[in-house]
Amino acid sequence: MLGLSFILAVSAAFSDPYSVPKEQLDPKKVYWGMSSSFERAGEIDYERAIKATPEYDQIAKQKVQRGTGKYWILLSQASDRVVRSISRIGQETACDLIASRGYLASLNPPIPAEDVTQVLLDAIQGKTKTARKK
């Protein structure tokens, strides 16, 4: 029994949650999860995700002019699709925080993060029905 208590105490010590210091928090760069307490962070390339949407593809194929109403509507729809996909992969993977690529590494001290951009792109393009927890 004492051995089990020791193992639990040691494992708890090594799985202390991370947190983004309040003075370094940029809420525009945290897309999903609680920045005050998380164990495994993921990072994504938001611009690349936007460009992978069918809406952005429509902008490019139809040469929709930037600044027009149609452009902003399609871009808004693309953004909504990306946000929904980020939420989905956040719920379906082991990442309990998803932030902009490079943001967590720029903090002091830096916080390690797994790049889950490809998982996000697959979700946007419907290549995977469910992302798996690791």
Protein backbone atom coordinates (compact mmCIF):
# COMPACT_ATOMS: atom_id res chain seq x y z
CA MET A 1 0.00 0.00 0.00
CA LEU A 2 2.84 2.38 0.83
CA GLY A 3 4.44 1.59 -2.56
CA LEU A 4 1.23 2.49 -4.39
CA SER A 5 1.01 5.79 -2.50
CA PHE A 6 4.58 6.59 -3.51
CA ILE A 7 3.91 5.80 -7.17
CA LEU A 8 0.79 7.98 -7.19
CA ALA A 9 2.67 10.84 -5.54
CA VAL A 10 5.55 10.59 -8.04
CA SER A 11 3.21 10.43 -11.04
CA ALA A 12 1.25 13.40 -9.75
CA ALA A 13 4.48 15.36 -9.41
CA PHE A 14 5.42 14.68 -13.04
CA SER A 15 1.99 15.52 -14.44
CA ASP A 16 1.65 18.97 -12.90
CA PRO A 17 -0.46 21.02 -15.25
CA TYR A 18 0.97 23.87 -17.25
CA SER A 19 -0.47 27.36 -17.26
CA VAL A 20 0.11 30.46 -19.34
CA PRO A 21 1.25 33.29 -17.05
CA LYS A 22 -1.49 35.94 -16.91
CA GLU A 23 0.89 38.72 -17.91
CA GLN A 24 1.88 36.77 -21.06
CA LEU A 25 -1.62 35.61 -22.04
CA ASP A 26 -2.82 36.60 -25.50
CA PRO A 27 -6.40 35.30 -25.73
CA LYS A 28 -6.36 35.77 -29.52
CA LYS A 29 -3.72 33.05 -29.76
CA VAL A 30 -5.49 30.46 -27.59
CA TYR A 31 -8.16 28.75 -29.67
CA TRP A 32 -9.42 26.02 -27.36
CA GLY A 33 -9.03 24.98 -23.74
CA MET A 34 -8.22 26.69 -20.48
CA SER A 35 -4.91 28.53 -20.49
CA SER A 36 -4.86 28.55 -16.69
CA SER A 37 -4.45 24.77 -16.38
CA PHE A 38 -3.64 22.17 -19.04
CA GLU A 39 -1.49 19.08 -19.34
CA ARG A 40 -0.94 18.63 -23.06
CA ALA A 41 -0.87 21.50 -25.53
CA GLY A 42 -1.39 21.42 -29.25
CA GLU A 43 -0.58 24.12 -31.74
CA ILE A 44 -1.99 24.87 -35.17
CA ASP A 45 -1.23 27.01 -38.19
CA TYR A 46 -4.50 28.96 -38.38
CA GLU A 47 -3.77 30.60 -41.74
CA ARG A 48 -2.99 27.24 -43.33
CA ALA A 49 -6.25 25.85 -41.90
CA ILE A 50 -8.26 28.76 -43.36
CA LYS A 51 -6.68 28.17 -46.76
CA ALA A 52 -7.69 24.49 -46.60
CA THR A 53 -11.43 25.24 -46.37
CA PRO A 54 -13.87 24.89 -49.25
CA GLU A 55 -14.88 28.51 -48.69
CA TYR A 56 -11.34 29.78 -49.22
CA ASP A 57 -11.06 27.53 -52.25
CA GLN A 58 -14.18 29.23 -53.62
CA ILE A 59 -12.59 32.65 -53.04
CA ALA A 60 -9.54 31.56 -55.02
CA LYS A 61 -11.40 29.80 -57.85
CA GLN A 62 -13.94 32.57 -58.37
CA LYS A 63 -11.29 35.28 -57.84
CA VAL A 64 -13.52 37.01 -55.31
CA GLN A 65 -12.09 40.46 -54.66
CA ARG A 66 -10.88 41.25 -51.16
CA GLY A 67 -13.06 43.84 -49.47
CA THR A 68 -16.28 42.79 -51.19
CA GLY A 69 -19.25 41.51 -49.22
CA LYS A 70 -18.95 38.06 -50.82
CA TYR A 71 -15.28 37.85 -49.81
CA TRP A 72 -15.98 38.67 -46.16
CA ILE A 73 -18.95 36.29 -46.00
CA LEU A 74 -16.88 33.41 -47.40
CA LEU A 75 -13.94 34.24 -45.13
CA SER A 76 -16.29 34.32 -42.13
CA GLN A 77 -17.70 30.93 -43.11
CA ALA A 78 -14.17 29.56 -43.51
CA SER A 79 -13.27 30.87 -40.05
CA ASP A 80 -16.41 29.31 -38.53
CA ARG A 81 -15.49 25.96 -40.11
CA VAL A 82 -11.96 26.14 -38.69
CA VAL A 83 -13.20 27.09 -35.21
CA ARG A 84 -15.68 24.18 -35.19
CA SER A 85 -12.92 21.81 -36.32
CA ILE A 86 -10.53 23.09 -33.64
CA SER A 87 -13.19 22.45 -31.01
CA ARG A 88 -13.78 18.97 -32.39
CA ILE A 89 -10.12 17.96 -32.38
CA GLY A 90 -9.73 19.50 -28.93
CA GLN A 91 -12.50 17.24 -27.65
CA GLU A 92 -11.33 14.15 -29.53
CA THR A 93 -7.56 14.27 -28.96
CA ALA A 94 -5.39 14.26 -25.87
CA CYS A 95 -4.62 17.98 -26.31
CA ASP A 96 -6.47 19.98 -23.68
CA LEU A 97 -5.23 23.34 -25.01
CA ILE A 98 -4.86 24.40 -28.64
CA ALA A 99 -3.00 27.59 -29.49
CA SER A 100 -1.42 29.38 -32.42
CA ARG A 101 1.78 27.80 -33.73
CA GLY A 102 4.82 29.21 -31.95
CA TYR A 103 2.89 31.09 -29.27
CA LEU A 104 3.54 28.71 -26.37
CA ALA A 105 7.21 28.34 -27.32
CA SER A 106 7.59 32.13 -27.15
CA LEU A 107 6.51 32.28 -23.50
CA ASN A 108 8.90 32.52 -20.58
CA PRO A 109 9.30 29.72 -19.66
CA PRO A 110 8.39 28.06 -22.97
CA ILE A 111 5.63 25.44 -22.92
CA PRO A 112 5.99 22.37 -25.15
CA ALA A 113 3.26 21.82 -27.72
CA GLU A 114 2.49 19.18 -30.31
CA ASP A 115 1.74 20.42 -33.84
CA VAL A 116 -1.77 19.16 -34.64
CA THR A 117 -2.22 21.19 -37.84
CA GLN A 118 -2.45 18.06 -40.00
CA VAL A 119 -5.12 16.58 -37.72
CA LEU A 120 -7.02 19.86 -38.10
CA LEU A 121 -6.62 19.87 -41.89
CA ASP A 122 -7.89 16.29 -42.07
CA ALA A 123 -10.92 17.25 -39.97
CA ILE A 124 -11.65 20.29 -42.17
CA GLN A 125 -11.41 18.22 -45.34
CA GLY A 126 -13.49 15.38 -43.89
CA LYS A 127 -10.67 12.84 -44.19
CA THR A 128 -11.20 11.58 -40.65
CA LYS A 129 -14.45 11.12 -38.84
CA THR A 130 -12.87 10.97 -35.43
CA ALA A 131 -9.44 12.01 -34.27
CA ARG A 132 -8.02 9.49 -31.85
CA LYS A 133 -6.80 10.17 -28.34
CA LYS A 134 -3.18 9.23 -27.81
